[in-house]
Amino acid sequence: MRTIHWLALLPFLFLLGGPILHDATHPFLLGMPFLLGWIALGLPFTALVMALIYRLDPANRPGDREEGR
């Protein structure tokens, strides 16, 4: 698989890792219940990963676009 495909798996794995890392003695993250805080952190993380994928994807390079579209 290409690197951008592996990067696309990161947000999915990030959200799955939250319940595994749950600490019952300190159940708050960012002042919210742990899982809600984990999801709130996952949104900007996902946006950053998708922006990185966009930048790395060769189809999005300026010289590769067809004229007239």
PDB file of N, CA and C in Angstrom:
ATOM      1  N   MET A   1       0.844  -1.192   0.000  1.00  0.00           N
ATOM      2  CA  MET A   1       0.000   0.000   0.000  1.00  0.00           C
ATOM      3  C   MET A   1       0.881   1.245   0.000  1.00  0.00           C
ATOM      4  N   ARG A   2       0.337   2.307  -0.542  1.00  0.00           N
ATOM      5  CA  ARG A   2       1.074   3.562  -0.581  1.00  0.00           C
ATOM      6  C   ARG A   2       1.050   4.226   0.801  1.00  0.00           C
ATOM      7  N   THR A   3       1.974   5.121   1.003  1.00  0.00           N
ATOM      8  CA  THR A   3       2.106   5.815   2.289  1.00  0.00           C
ATOM      9  C   THR A   3       0.829   6.552   2.659  1.00  0.00           C
ATOM     10  N   ILE A   4       0.178   7.177   1.696  1.00  0.00           N
ATOM     11  CA  ILE A   4      -1.027   7.939   2.033  1.00  0.00           C
ATOM     12  C   ILE A   4      -2.161   7.021   2.495  1.00  0.00           C
ATOM     13  N   HIS A   5      -2.164   5.785   2.030  1.00  0.00           N
ATOM     14  CA  HIS A   5      -3.179   4.845   2.506  1.00  0.00           C
ATOM     15  C   HIS A   5      -2.920   4.460   3.962  1.00  0.00           C
ATOM     16  N   TRP A   6      -1.657   4.275   4.299  1.00  0.00           N
ATOM     17  CA  TRP A   6      -1.323   3.956   5.698  1.00  0.00           C
ATOM     18  C   TRP A   6      -1.632   5.139   6.608  1.00  0.00           C
ATOM     19  N   LEU A   7      -1.376   6.356   6.117  1.00  0.00           N
ATOM     20  CA  LEU A   7      -1.695   7.546   6.914  1.00  0.00           C
ATOM     21  C   LEU A   7      -3.192   7.668   7.161  1.00  0.00           C
ATOM     22  N   ALA A   8      -3.988   7.255   6.197  1.00  0.00           N
ATOM     23  CA  ALA A   8      -5.445   7.331   6.344  1.00  0.00           C
ATOM     24  C   ALA A   8      -5.954   6.414   7.453  1.00  0.00           C
ATOM     25  N   LEU A   9      -5.188   5.412   7.818  1.00  0.00           N
ATOM     26  CA  LEU A   9      -5.588   4.512   8.910  1.00  0.00           C
ATOM     27  C   LEU A   9      -5.361   5.122  10.295  1.00  0.00           C
ATOM     28  N   LEU A  10      -4.490   6.121  10.389  1.00  0.00           N
ATOM     29  CA  LEU A  10      -4.148   6.697  11.695  1.00  0.00           C
ATOM     30  C   LEU A  10      -5.355   7.233  12.469  1.00  0.00           C
ATOM     31  N   PRO A  11      -6.254   8.037  11.877  1.00  0.00           N
ATOM     32  CA  PRO A  11      -7.400   8.519  12.659  1.00  0.00           C
ATOM     33  C   PRO A  11      -8.287   7.384  13.165  1.00  0.00           C
ATOM     34  N   PHE A  12      -8.457   6.360  12.331  1.00  0.00           N
ATOM     35  CA  PHE A  12      -9.258   5.208  12.733  1.00  0.00           C
ATOM     36  C   PHE A  12      -8.627   4.514  13.944  1.00  0.00           C
ATOM     37  N   LEU A  13      -7.333   4.291  13.878  1.00  0.00           N
ATOM     38  CA  LEU A  13      -6.630   3.646  14.990  1.00  0.00           C
ATOM     39  C   LEU A  13      -6.602   4.538  16.223  1.00  0.00           C
ATOM     40  N   PHE A  14      -6.504   5.841  16.019  1.00  0.00           N
ATOM     41  CA  PHE A  14      -6.522   6.792  17.135  1.00  0.00           C
ATOM     42  C   PHE A  14      -7.835   6.674  17.908  1.00  0.00           C
ATOM     43  N   LEU A  15      -8.956   6.652  17.184  1.00  0.00           N
ATOM     44  CA  LEU A  15     -10.250   6.573  17.857  1.00  0.00           C
ATOM     45  C   LEU A  15     -10.479   5.213  18.505  1.00  0.00           C
ATOM     46  N   LEU A  16      -9.938   4.157  17.923  1.00  0.00           N
ATOM     47  CA  LEU A  16     -10.060   2.840  18.548  1.00  0.00           C
ATOM     48  C   LEU A  16      -9.190   2.713  19.792  1.00  0.00           C
ATOM     49  N   GLY A  17      -8.082   3.449  19.838  1.00  0.00           N
ATOM     50  CA  GLY A  17      -7.166   3.364  20.970  1.00  0.00           C
ATOM     51  C   GLY A  17      -7.676   4.031  22.225  1.00  0.00           C
ATOM     52  N   GLY A  18      -8.635   4.921  22.126  1.00  0.00           N
ATOM     53  CA  GLY A  18      -9.160   5.641  23.290  1.00  0.00           C
ATOM     54  C   GLY A  18      -9.711   4.737  24.379  1.00  0.00           C
ATOM     55  N   PRO A  19     -10.629   3.852  24.048  1.00  0.00           N
ATOM     56  CA  PRO A  19     -11.163   2.967  25.093  1.00  0.00           C
ATOM     57  C   PRO A  19     -10.103   2.050  25.707  1.00  0.00           C
ATOM     58  N   ILE A  20      -9.083   1.710  24.932  1.00  0.00           N
ATOM     59  CA  ILE A  20      -8.023   0.844  25.460  1.00  0.00           C
ATOM     60  C   ILE A  20      -7.189   1.597  26.493  1.00  0.00           C
ATOM     61  N   LEU A  21      -6.965   2.890  26.257  1.00  0.00           N
ATOM     62  CA  LEU A  21      -6.143   3.695  27.153  1.00  0.00           C
ATOM     63  C   LEU A  21      -6.907   4.267  28.343  1.00  0.00           C
ATOM     64  N   HIS A  22      -8.192   4.004  28.419  1.00  0.00           N
ATOM     65  CA  HIS A  22      -9.026   4.593  29.468  1.00  0.00           C
ATOM     66  C   HIS A  22      -8.488   4.268  30.855  1.00  0.00           C
ATOM     67  N   ASP A  23      -8.286   5.308  31.654  1.00  0.00           N
ATOM     68  CA  ASP A  23      -7.775   5.163  33.012  1.00  0.00           C
ATOM     69  C   ASP A  23      -8.918   5.466  33.975  1.00  0.00           C
ATOM     70  N   ALA A  24      -9.362   4.471  34.725  1.00  0.00           N
ATOM     71  CA  ALA A  24     -10.529   4.634  35.589  1.00  0.00           C
ATOM     72  C   ALA A  24     -10.267   5.561  36.769  1.00  0.00           C
ATOM     73  N   THR A  25      -9.017   5.779  37.165  1.00  0.00           N
ATOM     74  CA  THR A  25      -8.758   6.641  38.312  1.00  0.00           C
ATOM     75  C   THR A  25      -8.801   8.126  37.941  1.00  0.00           C
ATOM     76  N   HIS A  26      -8.501   8.465  36.694  1.00  0.00           N
ATOM     77  CA  HIS A  26      -8.552   9.857  36.228  1.00  0.00           C
ATOM     78  C   HIS A  26      -9.366   9.904  34.936  1.00  0.00           C
ATOM     79  N   PRO A  27     -10.690   9.835  35.060  1.00  0.00           N
ATOM     80  CA  PRO A  27     -11.496   9.686  33.848  1.00  0.00           C
ATOM     81  C   PRO A  27     -11.787  10.988  33.100  1.00  0.00           C
ATOM     82  N   PHE A  28     -10.958  12.036  33.256  1.00  0.00           N
ATOM     83  CA  PHE A  28     -11.221  13.286  32.561  1.00  0.00           C
ATOM     84  C   PHE A  28     -10.059  13.650  31.651  1.00  0.00           C
ATOM     85  N   LEU A  29     -10.392  14.183  30.493  1.00  0.00           N
ATOM     86  CA  LEU A  29      -9.423  14.646  29.514  1.00  0.00           C
ATOM     87  C   LEU A  29      -9.973  15.953  28.964  1.00  0.00           C
ATOM     88  N   LEU A  30      -9.205  17.018  29.066  1.00  0.00           N
ATOM     89  CA  LEU A  30      -9.648  18.349  28.651  1.00  0.00           C
ATOM     90  C   LEU A  30     -10.887  18.806  29.416  1.00  0.00           C
ATOM     91  N   GLY A  31     -11.039  18.345  30.640  1.00  0.00           N
ATOM     92  CA  GLY A  31     -12.180  18.725  31.468  1.00  0.00           C
ATOM     93  C   GLY A  31     -13.462  18.009  31.103  1.00  0.00           C
ATOM     94  N   MET A  32     -13.390  17.019  30.235  1.00  0.00           N
ATOM     95  CA  MET A  32     -14.562  16.260  29.807  1.00  0.00           C
ATOM     96  C   MET A  32     -14.351  14.801  30.181  1.00  0.00           C
ATOM     97  N   PRO A  33     -15.437  14.036  30.195  1.00  0.00           N
ATOM     98  CA  PRO A  33     -15.236  12.592  30.370  1.00  0.00           C
ATOM     99  C   PRO A  33     -14.241  12.080  29.324  1.00  0.00           C
ATOM    100  N   PHE A  34     -13.475  11.080  29.703  1.00  0.00           N
ATOM    101  CA  PHE A  34     -12.328  10.662  28.902  1.00  0.00           C
ATOM    102  C   PHE A  34     -12.668  10.403  27.437  1.00  0.00           C
ATOM    103  N   LEU A  35     -13.688   9.597  27.178  1.00  0.00           N
ATOM    104  CA  LEU A  35     -13.985   9.246  25.787  1.00  0.00           C
ATOM    105  C   LEU A  35     -14.437  10.452  24.974  1.00  0.00           C
ATOM    106  N   LEU A  36     -15.197  11.348  25.583  1.00  0.00           N
ATOM    107  CA  LEU A  36     -15.616  12.562  24.884  1.00  0.00           C
ATOM    108  C   LEU A  36     -14.408  13.452  24.595  1.00  0.00           C
ATOM    109  N   GLY A  37     -13.510  13.580  25.551  1.00  0.00           N
ATOM    110  CA  GLY A  37     -12.278  14.342  25.336  1.00  0.00           C
ATOM    111  C   GLY A  37     -11.397  13.701  24.277  1.00  0.00           C
ATOM    112  N   TRP A  38     -11.350  12.362  24.255  1.00  0.00           N
ATOM    113  CA  TRP A  38     -10.552  11.654  23.256  1.00  0.00           C
ATOM    114  C   TRP A  38     -11.094  11.916  21.850  1.00  0.00           C
ATOM    115  N   ILE A  39     -12.420  11.885  21.713  1.00  0.00           N
ATOM    116  CA  ILE A  39     -13.034  12.168  20.415  1.00  0.00           C
ATOM    117  C   ILE A  39     -12.793  13.623  20.031  1.00  0.00           C
ATOM    118  N   ALA A  40     -12.850  14.537  21.002  1.00  0.00           N
ATOM    119  CA  ALA A  40     -12.586  15.951  20.714  1.00  0.00           C
ATOM    120  C   ALA A  40     -11.152  16.148  20.240  1.00  0.00           C
ATOM    121  N   LEU A  41     -10.208  15.393  20.750  1.00  0.00           N
ATOM    122  CA  LEU A  41      -8.825  15.444  20.261  1.00  0.00           C
ATOM    123  C   LEU A  41      -8.692  14.771  18.902  1.00  0.00           C
ATOM    124  N   GLY A  42      -9.533  13.797  18.648  1.00  0.00           N
ATOM    125  CA  GLY A  42      -9.472  13.074  17.384  1.00  0.00           C
ATOM    126  C   GLY A  42      -9.892  13.909  16.187  1.00  0.00           C
ATOM    127  N   LEU A  43     -10.781  14.867  16.389  1.00  0.00           N
ATOM    128  CA  LEU A  43     -11.228  15.692  15.266  1.00  0.00           C
ATOM    129  C   LEU A  43     -10.103  16.535  14.670  1.00  0.00           C
ATOM    130  N   PRO A  44      -9.364  17.328  15.462  1.00  0.00           N
ATOM    131  CA  PRO A  44      -8.264  18.076  14.850  1.00  0.00           C
ATOM    132  C   PRO A  44      -7.136  17.161  14.368  1.00  0.00           C
ATOM    133  N   PHE A  45      -6.914  16.036  15.053  1.00  0.00           N
ATOM    134  CA  PHE A  45      -5.906  15.079  14.607  1.00  0.00           C
ATOM    135  C   PHE A  45      -6.265  14.542  13.225  1.00  0.00           C
ATOM    136  N   THR A  46      -7.532  14.196  13.026  1.00  0.00           N
ATOM    137  CA  THR A  46      -7.983  13.705  11.732  1.00  0.00           C
ATOM    138  C   THR A  46      -7.812  14.767  10.653  1.00  0.00           C
ATOM    139  N   ALA A  47      -8.149  16.017  10.992  1.00  0.00           N
ATOM    140  CA  ALA A  47      -7.991  17.103  10.017  1.00  0.00           C
ATOM    141  C   ALA A  47      -6.522  17.285   9.629  1.00  0.00           C
ATOM    142  N   LEU A  48      -5.622  17.196  10.594  1.00  0.00           N
ATOM    143  CA  LEU A  48      -4.194  17.324  10.294  1.00  0.00           C
ATOM    144  C   LEU A  48      -3.692  16.179   9.412  1.00  0.00           C
ATOM    145  N   VAL A  49      -4.122  14.976   9.711  1.00  0.00           N
ATOM    146  CA  VAL A  49      -3.701  13.826   8.915  1.00  0.00           C
ATOM    147  C   VAL A  49      -4.244  13.936   7.492  1.00  0.00           C
ATOM    148  N   MET A  50      -5.502  14.352   7.347  1.00  0.00           N
ATOM    149  CA  MET A  50      -6.077  14.492   6.011  1.00  0.00           C
ATOM    150  C   MET A  50      -5.395  15.615   5.229  1.00  0.00           C
ATOM    151  N   ALA A  51      -5.000  16.699   5.905  1.00  0.00           N
ATOM    152  CA  ALA A  51      -4.258  17.772   5.239  1.00  0.00           C
ATOM    153  C   ALA A  51      -2.895  17.263   4.779  1.00  0.00           C
ATOM    154  N   LEU A  52      -2.254  16.450   5.598  1.00  0.00           N
ATOM    155  CA  LEU A  52      -0.967  15.862   5.222  1.00  0.00           C
ATOM    156  C   LEU A  52      -1.122  14.932   4.019  1.00  0.00           C
ATOM    157  N   ILE A  53      -2.169  14.135   4.013  1.00  0.00           N
ATOM    158  CA  ILE A  53      -2.432  13.247   2.887  1.00  0.00           C
ATOM    159  C   ILE A  53      -2.670  14.059   1.623  1.00  0.00           C
ATOM    160  N   TYR A  54      -3.413  15.139   1.728  1.00  0.00           N
ATOM    161  CA  TYR A  54      -3.672  16.003   0.573  1.00  0.00           C
ATOM    162  C   TYR A  54      -2.371  16.557   0.011  1.00  0.00           C
ATOM    163  N   ARG A  55      -1.479  17.000   0.912  1.00  0.00           N
ATOM    164  CA  ARG A  55      -0.196  17.566   0.466  1.00  0.00           C
ATOM    165  C   ARG A  55       0.712  16.508  -0.160  1.00  0.00           C
ATOM    166  N   LEU A  56       0.656  15.274   0.333  1.00  0.00           N
ATOM    167  CA  LEU A  56       1.531  14.218  -0.168  1.00  0.00           C
ATOM    168  C   LEU A  56       1.004  13.532  -1.428  1.00  0.00           C
ATOM    169  N   ASP A  57      -0.269  13.657  -1.700  1.00  0.00           N
ATOM    170  CA  ASP A  57      -0.870  12.978  -2.845  1.00  0.00           C
ATOM    171  C   ASP A  57      -0.389  13.606  -4.151  1.00  0.00           C
ATOM    172  N   PRO A  58       0.237  12.827  -5.018  1.00  0.00           N
ATOM    173  CA  PRO A  58       0.757  13.385  -6.272  1.00  0.00           C
ATOM    174  C   PRO A  58      -0.329  13.949  -7.177  1.00  0.00           C
ATOM    175  N   ALA A  59      -1.548  13.499  -7.050  1.00  0.00           N
ATOM    176  CA  ALA A  59      -2.640  14.002  -7.887  1.00  0.00           C
ATOM    177  C   ALA A  59      -2.970  15.458  -7.572  1.00  0.00           C
ATOM    178  N   ASN A  60      -2.528  15.967  -6.438  1.00  0.00           N
ATOM    179  CA  ASN A  60      -2.842  17.338  -6.038  1.00  0.00           C
ATOM    180  C   ASN A  60      -1.703  18.313  -6.308  1.00  0.00           C
ATOM    181  N   ARG A  61      -0.688  17.894  -7.022  1.00  0.00           N
ATOM    182  CA  ARG A  61       0.424  18.792  -7.346  1.00  0.00           C
ATOM    183  C   ARG A  61       0.003  19.723  -8.472  1.00  0.00           C
ATOM    184  N   PRO A  62       0.429  20.984  -8.429  1.00  0.00           N
ATOM    185  CA  PRO A  62      -0.033  21.978  -9.419  1.00  0.00           C
ATOM    186  C   PRO A  62       0.266  21.613 -10.868  1.00  0.00           C
ATOM    187  N   GLY A  63       1.381  21.010 -11.169  1.00  0.00           N
ATOM    188  CA  GLY A  63       1.741  20.700 -12.549  1.00  0.00           C
ATOM    189  C   GLY A  63       0.968  19.542 -13.147  1.00  0.00           C
ATOM    190  N   ASP A  64       0.266  18.772 -12.335  1.00  0.00           N
ATOM    191  CA  ASP A  64      -0.412  17.578 -12.828  1.00  0.00           C
ATOM    192  C   ASP A  64      -1.849  17.840 -13.280  1.00  0.00           C
ATOM    193  N   ARG A  65      -2.347  19.040 -13.077  1.00  0.00           N
ATOM    194  CA  ARG A  65      -3.741  19.311 -13.439  1.00  0.00           C
ATOM    195  C   ARG A  65      -3.860  19.617 -14.922  1.00  0.00           C
ATOM    196  N   GLU A  66      -4.979  19.211 -15.487  1.00  0.00           N
ATOM    197  CA  GLU A  66      -5.221  19.495 -16.905  1.00  0.00           C
ATOM    198  C   GLU A  66      -5.703  20.925 -17.044  1.00  0.00           C
ATOM    199  N   GLU A  67      -5.313  21.567 -18.134  1.00  0.00           N
ATOM    200  CA  GLU A  67      -5.759  22.927 -18.410  1.00  0.00           C
ATOM    201  C   GLU A  67      -7.205  22.887 -18.876  1.00  0.00           C
ATOM    202  N   GLY A  68      -7.979  23.918 -18.517  1.00  0.00           N
ATOM    203  CA  GLY A  68      -9.351  24.020 -18.955  1.00  0.00           C
ATOM    204  C   GLY A  68     -10.366  23.425 -18.013  1.00  0.00           C
ATOM    205  N   ARG A  69      -9.942  22.872 -16.932  1.00  0.00           N
ATOM    206  CA  ARG A  69     -10.918  22.321 -15.962  1.00  0.00           C
ATOM    207  C   ARG A  69     -11.129  23.255 -14.827  1.00  0.00           C
TER     208      ARG A  69
END
